[in-house]
Amino acid sequence: LQTTDTGINVTGHADMDTGNVAGKFAVMSAAVHGSYDLYNNGTTYFNGATTLDDNVTITSGKLKIDTSAGVSSIELLAVNAATTKNKISFSEAIAGDESFYIEHDGAGTGADNLLKIHGDTNNDGITIRRDGKVGIKKNDPSVALDVTGEISASDDINTPTKVVIGESATAELRLKKTNAGIASIKFYNNDGTS
């Protein structure tokens, strides 16, 4: 322990029951940081719960959840789940320019709890209800897969029951072909014979 004109210099181990610092504090550094109140120029280990009440900024490297104990998870807990939406934002280099979201909309109970994957608006992505119903460009899916817009498939579409083509006065079934082709509807037996 050495007293200097700028403070106290400790070269060995320092142990205290409790304490506080009125100014800035630095670890593994010869001086405090000009921008941060607490600056650690090394590694940090917390053996207990940690509470942060503001933003966490990672300027380099990555956020890693250690799974060495066999169990790991990330939990986003809203202050008021009925009115608050938890979300993960994927942004470009410009701060505030979020281009993609994974969002939990807890404004409801049971099946009305939603997981949304979308862009700048809620209507341009995927919505998953808690009961398993999925909407594509549809915020409130009412069937197993509820799609707003066209559906394109490069192979067979199979159903064990029926296909319903629009329940409206203008419903129609179209078979699209090339100008030189021939459109047809074929009926097959269960064994594949026609």
C-alpha atoms as a PDB file:
ATOM      1  CA  LEU A   1       0.000   0.000   0.000  1.00  0.00           C
ATOM      2  CA  GLN A   2       1.477   3.317  -1.066  1.00  0.00           C
ATOM      3  CA  THR A   3       0.033   6.801  -0.786  1.00  0.00           C
ATOM      4  CA  THR A   4       0.795   9.076  -3.727  1.00  0.00           C
ATOM      5  CA  ASP A   5      -0.080  12.648  -4.614  1.00  0.00           C
ATOM      6  CA  THR A   6      -2.917  11.327  -6.787  1.00  0.00           C
ATOM      7  CA  GLY A   7      -4.308   8.652  -4.456  1.00  0.00           C
ATOM      8  CA  ILE A   8      -3.455   5.204  -3.106  1.00  0.00           C
ATOM      9  CA  ASN A   9      -1.416   2.621  -5.009  1.00  0.00           C
ATOM     10  CA  VAL A  10      -2.057  -1.046  -4.127  1.00  0.00           C
ATOM     11  CA  THR A  11       0.390  -3.519  -5.699  1.00  0.00           C
ATOM     12  CA  GLY A  12      -0.860  -6.692  -3.988  1.00  0.00           C
ATOM     13  CA  HIS A  13      -4.235  -8.136  -3.066  1.00  0.00           C
ATOM     14  CA  ALA A  14      -6.822  -5.763  -1.551  1.00  0.00           C
ATOM     15  CA  ASP A  15      -9.735  -7.154   0.460  1.00  0.00           C
ATOM     16  CA  MET A  16     -12.730  -5.208   1.782  1.00  0.00           C
ATOM     17  CA  ASP A  17     -16.162  -6.063   3.132  1.00  0.00           C
ATOM     18  CA  THR A  18     -17.876  -3.217   1.292  1.00  0.00           C
ATOM     19  CA  GLY A  19     -17.007   0.057  -0.390  1.00  0.00           C
ATOM     20  CA  ASN A  20     -17.865   2.631  -3.004  1.00  0.00           C
ATOM     21  CA  VAL A  21     -16.145   4.856  -5.533  1.00  0.00           C
ATOM     22  CA  ALA A  22     -17.383   8.415  -5.968  1.00  0.00           C
ATOM     23  CA  GLY A  23     -15.673   8.840  -9.343  1.00  0.00           C
ATOM     24  CA  LYS A  24     -14.574   6.530 -12.154  1.00  0.00           C
ATOM     25  CA  PHE A  25     -12.945   3.124 -11.686  1.00  0.00           C
ATOM     26  CA  ALA A  26     -10.728   1.096 -14.015  1.00  0.00           C
ATOM     27  CA  VAL A  27      -9.487  -2.512 -13.917  1.00  0.00           C
ATOM     28  CA  MET A  28      -6.335  -3.721 -15.715  1.00  0.00           C
ATOM     29  CA  SER A  29      -5.636  -0.162 -16.814  1.00  0.00           C
ATOM     30  CA  ALA A  30      -3.169   2.516 -15.728  1.00  0.00           C
ATOM     31  CA  ALA A  31      -5.895   5.179 -15.872  1.00  0.00           C
ATOM     32  CA  VAL A  32      -9.657   5.562 -15.907  1.00  0.00           C
ATOM     33  CA  HIS A  33     -11.471   5.722 -19.234  1.00  0.00           C
ATOM     34  CA  GLY A  34     -12.556   9.049 -20.654  1.00  0.00           C
ATOM     35  CA  SER A  35     -15.998   7.774 -21.726  1.00  0.00           C
ATOM     36  CA  TYR A  36     -16.915   5.083 -19.164  1.00  0.00           C
ATOM     37  CA  ASP A  37     -17.382   5.231 -15.399  1.00  0.00           C
ATOM     38  CA  LEU A  38     -16.403   1.553 -14.976  1.00  0.00           C
ATOM     39  CA  TYR A  39     -13.736   0.331 -17.383  1.00  0.00           C
ATOM     40  CA  ASN A  40     -12.375  -3.214 -17.474  1.00  0.00           C
ATOM     41  CA  ASN A  41      -9.443  -3.808 -19.812  1.00  0.00           C
ATOM     42  CA  GLY A  42      -9.531  -7.566 -19.099  1.00  0.00           C
ATOM     43  CA  THR A  43     -12.121 -10.304 -18.556  1.00  0.00           C
ATOM     44  CA  THR A  44     -15.099 -10.262 -16.174  1.00  0.00           C
ATOM     45  CA  TYR A  45     -16.769 -13.104 -14.291  1.00  0.00           C
ATOM     46  CA  PHE A  46     -20.080 -12.805 -12.436  1.00  0.00           C
ATOM     47  CA  ASN A  47     -20.976 -15.766 -10.212  1.00  0.00           C
ATOM     48  CA  GLY A  48     -24.560 -14.699  -9.630  1.00  0.00           C
ATOM     49  CA  ALA A  49     -27.491 -12.848 -11.133  1.00  0.00           C
ATOM     50  CA  THR A  50     -26.763  -9.548 -12.880  1.00  0.00           C
ATOM     51  CA  THR A  51     -29.291  -6.780 -13.459  1.00  0.00           C
ATOM     52  CA  LEU A  52     -28.841  -4.159 -16.194  1.00  0.00           C
ATOM     53  CA  ASP A  53     -31.347  -1.325 -16.452  1.00  0.00           C
ATOM     54  CA  ASP A  54     -30.011   0.211 -19.665  1.00  0.00           C
ATOM     55  CA  ASN A  55     -28.632  -0.779 -23.069  1.00  0.00           C
ATOM     56  CA  VAL A  56     -25.763  -3.231 -23.566  1.00  0.00           C
ATOM     57  CA  THR A  57     -23.490  -2.372 -26.495  1.00  0.00           C
ATOM     58  CA  ILE A  58     -21.033  -4.878 -27.982  1.00  0.00           C
ATOM     59  CA  THR A  59     -18.576  -3.058 -30.253  1.00  0.00           C
ATOM     60  CA  SER A  60     -16.610  -6.154 -31.309  1.00  0.00           C
ATOM     61  CA  GLY A  61     -16.674  -9.894 -30.755  1.00  0.00           C
ATOM     62  CA  LYS A  62     -19.942 -11.680 -30.006  1.00  0.00           C
ATOM     63  CA  LEU A  63     -22.419 -12.472 -27.251  1.00  0.00           C
ATOM     64  CA  LYS A  64     -22.021 -16.126 -26.248  1.00  0.00           C
ATOM     65  CA  ILE A  65     -24.185 -18.171 -23.876  1.00  0.00           C
ATOM     66  CA  ASP A  66     -22.046 -20.841 -22.219  1.00  0.00           C
ATOM     67  CA  THR A  67     -23.661 -24.284 -22.483  1.00  0.00           C
ATOM     68  CA  SER A  68     -20.958 -26.202 -20.610  1.00  0.00           C
ATOM     69  CA  ALA A  69     -23.392 -26.888 -17.756  1.00  0.00           C
ATOM     70  CA  GLY A  70     -25.799 -28.521 -20.203  1.00  0.00           C
ATOM     71  CA  VAL A  71     -28.601 -25.939 -19.892  1.00  0.00           C
ATOM     72  CA  SER A  72     -28.731 -22.452 -21.347  1.00  0.00           C
ATOM     73  CA  SER A  73     -31.428 -20.039 -22.397  1.00  0.00           C
ATOM     74  CA  ILE A  74     -32.164 -16.436 -23.235  1.00  0.00           C
ATOM     75  CA  GLU A  75     -35.291 -15.053 -21.585  1.00  0.00           C
ATOM     76  CA  LEU A  76     -36.845 -11.716 -22.513  1.00  0.00           C
ATOM     77  CA  LEU A  77     -39.180 -10.668 -19.717  1.00  0.00           C
ATOM     78  CA  ALA A  78     -41.498  -7.712 -20.237  1.00  0.00           C
ATOM     79  CA  VAL A  79     -42.445  -5.401 -17.397  1.00  0.00           C
ATOM     80  CA  ASN A  80     -46.102  -5.715 -18.396  1.00  0.00           C
ATOM     81  CA  ALA A  81     -46.621  -8.654 -20.734  1.00  0.00           C
ATOM     82  CA  ALA A  82     -50.145  -7.470 -21.615  1.00  0.00           C
ATOM     83  CA  THR A  83     -48.933  -4.210 -23.167  1.00  0.00           C
ATOM     84  CA  THR A  84     -45.206  -4.646 -23.833  1.00  0.00           C
ATOM     85  CA  LYS A  85     -43.651  -6.393 -26.829  1.00  0.00           C
ATOM     86  CA  ASN A  86     -40.277  -8.086 -26.468  1.00  0.00           C
ATOM     87  CA  LYS A  87     -38.266  -8.122 -29.654  1.00  0.00           C
ATOM     88  CA  ILE A  88     -34.876  -8.812 -31.158  1.00  0.00           C
ATOM     89  CA  SER A  89     -33.904  -6.303 -33.838  1.00  0.00           C
ATOM     90  CA  PHE A  90     -31.508  -6.984 -36.689  1.00  0.00           C
ATOM     91  CA  SER A  91     -30.066  -3.712 -37.932  1.00  0.00           C
ATOM     92  CA  GLU A  92     -27.688  -2.396 -40.526  1.00  0.00           C
ATOM     93  CA  ALA A  93     -24.636  -0.391 -39.491  1.00  0.00           C
ATOM     94  CA  ILE A  94     -26.770   2.713 -38.995  1.00  0.00           C
ATOM     95  CA  ALA A  95     -28.136   2.905 -35.448  1.00  0.00           C
ATOM     96  CA  GLY A  96     -31.933   2.791 -35.370  1.00  0.00           C
ATOM     97  CA  ASP A  97     -32.177   1.404 -38.908  1.00  0.00           C
ATOM     98  CA  GLU A  98     -33.790  -1.893 -37.915  1.00  0.00           C
ATOM     99  CA  SER A  99     -34.530  -3.998 -40.963  1.00  0.00           C
ATOM    100  CA  PHE A 100     -35.822  -7.207 -39.354  1.00  0.00           C
ATOM    101  CA  TYR A 101     -37.537  -8.178 -36.097  1.00  0.00           C
ATOM    102  CA  ILE A 102     -38.295 -11.298 -34.090  1.00  0.00           C
ATOM    103  CA  GLU A 103     -41.016 -10.132 -31.734  1.00  0.00           C
ATOM    104  CA  HIS A 104     -43.211 -11.586 -29.006  1.00  0.00           C
ATOM    105  CA  ASP A 105     -46.627  -9.932 -28.907  1.00  0.00           C
ATOM    106  CA  GLY A 106     -48.064 -10.840 -25.511  1.00  0.00           C
ATOM    107  CA  ALA A 107     -51.126  -8.609 -25.798  1.00  0.00           C
ATOM    108  CA  GLY A 108     -53.507 -11.447 -25.048  1.00  0.00           C
ATOM    109  CA  THR A 109     -53.830 -14.781 -23.289  1.00  0.00           C
ATOM    110  CA  GLY A 110     -53.466 -18.386 -24.390  1.00  0.00           C
ATOM    111  CA  ALA A 111     -53.487 -18.823 -28.161  1.00  0.00           C
ATOM    112  CA  ASP A 112     -53.550 -15.039 -28.707  1.00  0.00           C
ATOM    113  CA  ASN A 113     -49.888 -14.796 -27.647  1.00  0.00           C
ATOM    114  CA  LEU A 114     -48.004 -14.345 -30.906  1.00  0.00           C
ATOM    115  CA  LEU A 115     -44.457 -14.756 -32.189  1.00  0.00           C
ATOM    116  CA  LYS A 116     -43.835 -12.482 -35.170  1.00  0.00           C
ATOM    117  CA  ILE A 117     -40.994 -12.398 -37.677  1.00  0.00           C
ATOM    118  CA  HIS A 118     -41.324  -9.299 -39.802  1.00  0.00           C
ATOM    119  CA  GLY A 119     -39.722  -6.264 -41.406  1.00  0.00           C
ATOM    120  CA  ASP A 120     -40.654  -2.631 -40.871  1.00  0.00           C
ATOM    121  CA  THR A 121     -44.381  -3.348 -40.505  1.00  0.00           C
ATOM    122  CA  ASN A 122     -46.292  -6.111 -38.743  1.00  0.00           C
ATOM    123  CA  ASN A 123     -48.092  -7.172 -41.925  1.00  0.00           C
ATOM    124  CA  ASP A 124     -45.117  -8.223 -44.053  1.00  0.00           C
ATOM    125  CA  GLY A 125     -43.840 -11.318 -42.301  1.00  0.00           C
ATOM    126  CA  ILE A 126     -44.737 -14.501 -40.436  1.00  0.00           C
ATOM    127  CA  THR A 127     -47.011 -14.759 -37.388  1.00  0.00           C
ATOM    128  CA  ILE A 128     -47.128 -17.873 -35.202  1.00  0.00           C
ATOM    129  CA  ARG A 129     -49.916 -18.261 -32.675  1.00  0.00           C
ATOM    130  CA  ARG A 130     -49.372 -20.171 -29.460  1.00  0.00           C
ATOM    131  CA  ASP A 131     -51.862 -22.810 -30.638  1.00  0.00           C
ATOM    132  CA  GLY A 132     -49.658 -23.519 -33.698  1.00  0.00           C
ATOM    133  CA  LYS A 133     -51.545 -21.583 -36.384  1.00  0.00           C
ATOM    134  CA  VAL A 134     -49.193 -19.807 -38.799  1.00  0.00           C
ATOM    135  CA  GLY A 135     -49.910 -16.692 -40.826  1.00  0.00           C
ATOM    136  CA  ILE A 136     -47.877 -15.427 -43.780  1.00  0.00           C
ATOM    137  CA  LYS A 137     -48.557 -11.711 -44.289  1.00  0.00           C
ATOM    138  CA  LYS A 138     -51.479 -12.371 -41.932  1.00  0.00           C
ATOM    139  CA  ASN A 139     -51.471 -11.096 -38.327  1.00  0.00           C
ATOM    140  CA  ASP A 140     -54.403 -13.195 -37.101  1.00  0.00           C
ATOM    141  CA  PRO A 141     -54.229 -16.666 -38.699  1.00  0.00           C
ATOM    142  CA  SER A 142     -57.458 -18.612 -38.244  1.00  0.00           C
ATOM    143  CA  VAL A 143     -56.375 -21.944 -39.801  1.00  0.00           C
ATOM    144  CA  ALA A 144     -53.208 -24.051 -39.630  1.00  0.00           C
ATOM    145  CA  LEU A 145     -51.594 -22.063 -42.492  1.00  0.00           C
ATOM    146  CA  ASP A 146     -53.211 -18.746 -43.371  1.00  0.00           C
ATOM    147  CA  VAL A 147     -51.654 -16.902 -46.316  1.00  0.00           C
ATOM    148  CA  THR A 148     -52.413 -13.469 -47.764  1.00  0.00           C
ATOM    149  CA  GLY A 149     -51.232 -13.515 -51.385  1.00  0.00           C
ATOM    150  CA  GLU A 150     -50.274 -16.122 -53.964  1.00  0.00           C
ATOM    151  CA  ILE A 151     -48.776 -19.528 -53.176  1.00  0.00           C
ATOM    152  CA  SER A 152     -46.269 -21.104 -55.565  1.00  0.00           C
ATOM    153  CA  ALA A 153     -45.262 -24.760 -55.423  1.00  0.00           C
ATOM    154  CA  SER A 154     -42.746 -26.597 -57.648  1.00  0.00           C
ATOM    155  CA  ASP A 155     -44.111 -30.053 -56.795  1.00  0.00           C
ATOM    156  CA  ASP A 156     -47.296 -31.823 -55.687  1.00  0.00           C
ATOM    157  CA  ILE A 157     -49.693 -30.399 -53.121  1.00  0.00           C
ATOM    158  CA  ASN A 158     -51.309 -33.301 -51.279  1.00  0.00           C
ATOM    159  CA  THR A 159     -54.381 -33.346 -49.050  1.00  0.00           C
ATOM    160  CA  PRO A 160     -56.211 -36.420 -47.660  1.00  0.00           C
ATOM    161  CA  THR A 161     -59.600 -34.674 -47.722  1.00  0.00           C
ATOM    162  CA  LYS A 162     -60.594 -31.809 -50.017  1.00  0.00           C
ATOM    163  CA  VAL A 163     -59.439 -28.615 -51.707  1.00  0.00           C
ATOM    164  CA  VAL A 164     -61.759 -25.623 -51.352  1.00  0.00           C
ATOM    165  CA  ILE A 165     -61.407 -22.890 -53.983  1.00  0.00           C
ATOM    166  CA  GLY A 166     -62.704 -19.663 -52.451  1.00  0.00           C
ATOM    167  CA  GLU A 167     -66.112 -19.494 -50.848  1.00  0.00           C
ATOM    168  CA  SER A 168     -67.297 -16.410 -52.703  1.00  0.00           C
ATOM    169  CA  ALA A 169     -69.476 -15.407 -55.663  1.00  0.00           C
ATOM    170  CA  THR A 170     -66.407 -14.853 -57.863  1.00  0.00           C
ATOM    171  CA  ALA A 171     -64.483 -18.029 -56.978  1.00  0.00           C
ATOM    172  CA  GLU A 172     -62.808 -19.808 -59.871  1.00  0.00           C
ATOM    173  CA  LEU A 173     -60.282 -22.553 -60.616  1.00  0.00           C
ATOM    174  CA  ARG A 174     -57.658 -21.731 -63.245  1.00  0.00           C
ATOM    175  CA  LEU A 175     -55.263 -24.094 -65.012  1.00  0.00           C
ATOM    176  CA  LYS A 176     -52.353 -22.114 -66.437  1.00  0.00           C
ATOM    177  CA  LYS A 177     -50.474 -23.522 -69.427  1.00  0.00           C
ATOM    178  CA  THR A 178     -48.072 -22.386 -72.097  1.00  0.00           C
ATOM    179  CA  ASN A 179     -49.549 -21.240 -75.390  1.00  0.00           C
ATOM    180  CA  ALA A 180     -48.577 -24.536 -77.073  1.00  0.00           C
ATOM    181  CA  GLY A 181     -49.518 -26.771 -74.147  1.00  0.00           C
ATOM    182  CA  ILE A 182     -52.698 -28.605 -73.216  1.00  0.00           C
ATOM    183  CA  ALA A 183     -54.339 -28.054 -69.822  1.00  0.00           C
ATOM    184  CA  SER A 184     -56.176 -30.987 -68.265  1.00  0.00           C
ATOM    185  CA  ILE A 185     -57.656 -32.351 -65.067  1.00  0.00           C
ATOM    186  CA  LYS A 186     -56.865 -36.013 -64.402  1.00  0.00           C
ATOM    187  CA  PHE A 187     -58.398 -38.347 -61.838  1.00  0.00           C
ATOM    188  CA  TYR A 188     -56.282 -41.128 -60.306  1.00  0.00           C
ATOM    189  CA  ASN A 189     -56.964 -44.135 -58.129  1.00  0.00           C
ATOM    190  CA  ASN A 190     -55.220 -44.611 -54.805  1.00  0.00           C
ATOM    191  CA  ASP A 191     -52.673 -46.933 -56.464  1.00  0.00           C
ATOM    192  CA  GLY A 192     -51.707 -44.240 -58.966  1.00  0.00           C
ATOM    193  CA  THR A 193     -53.600 -45.639 -61.954  1.00  0.00           C
ATOM    194  CA  SER A 194     -55.865 -43.343 -63.908  1.00  0.00           C
END
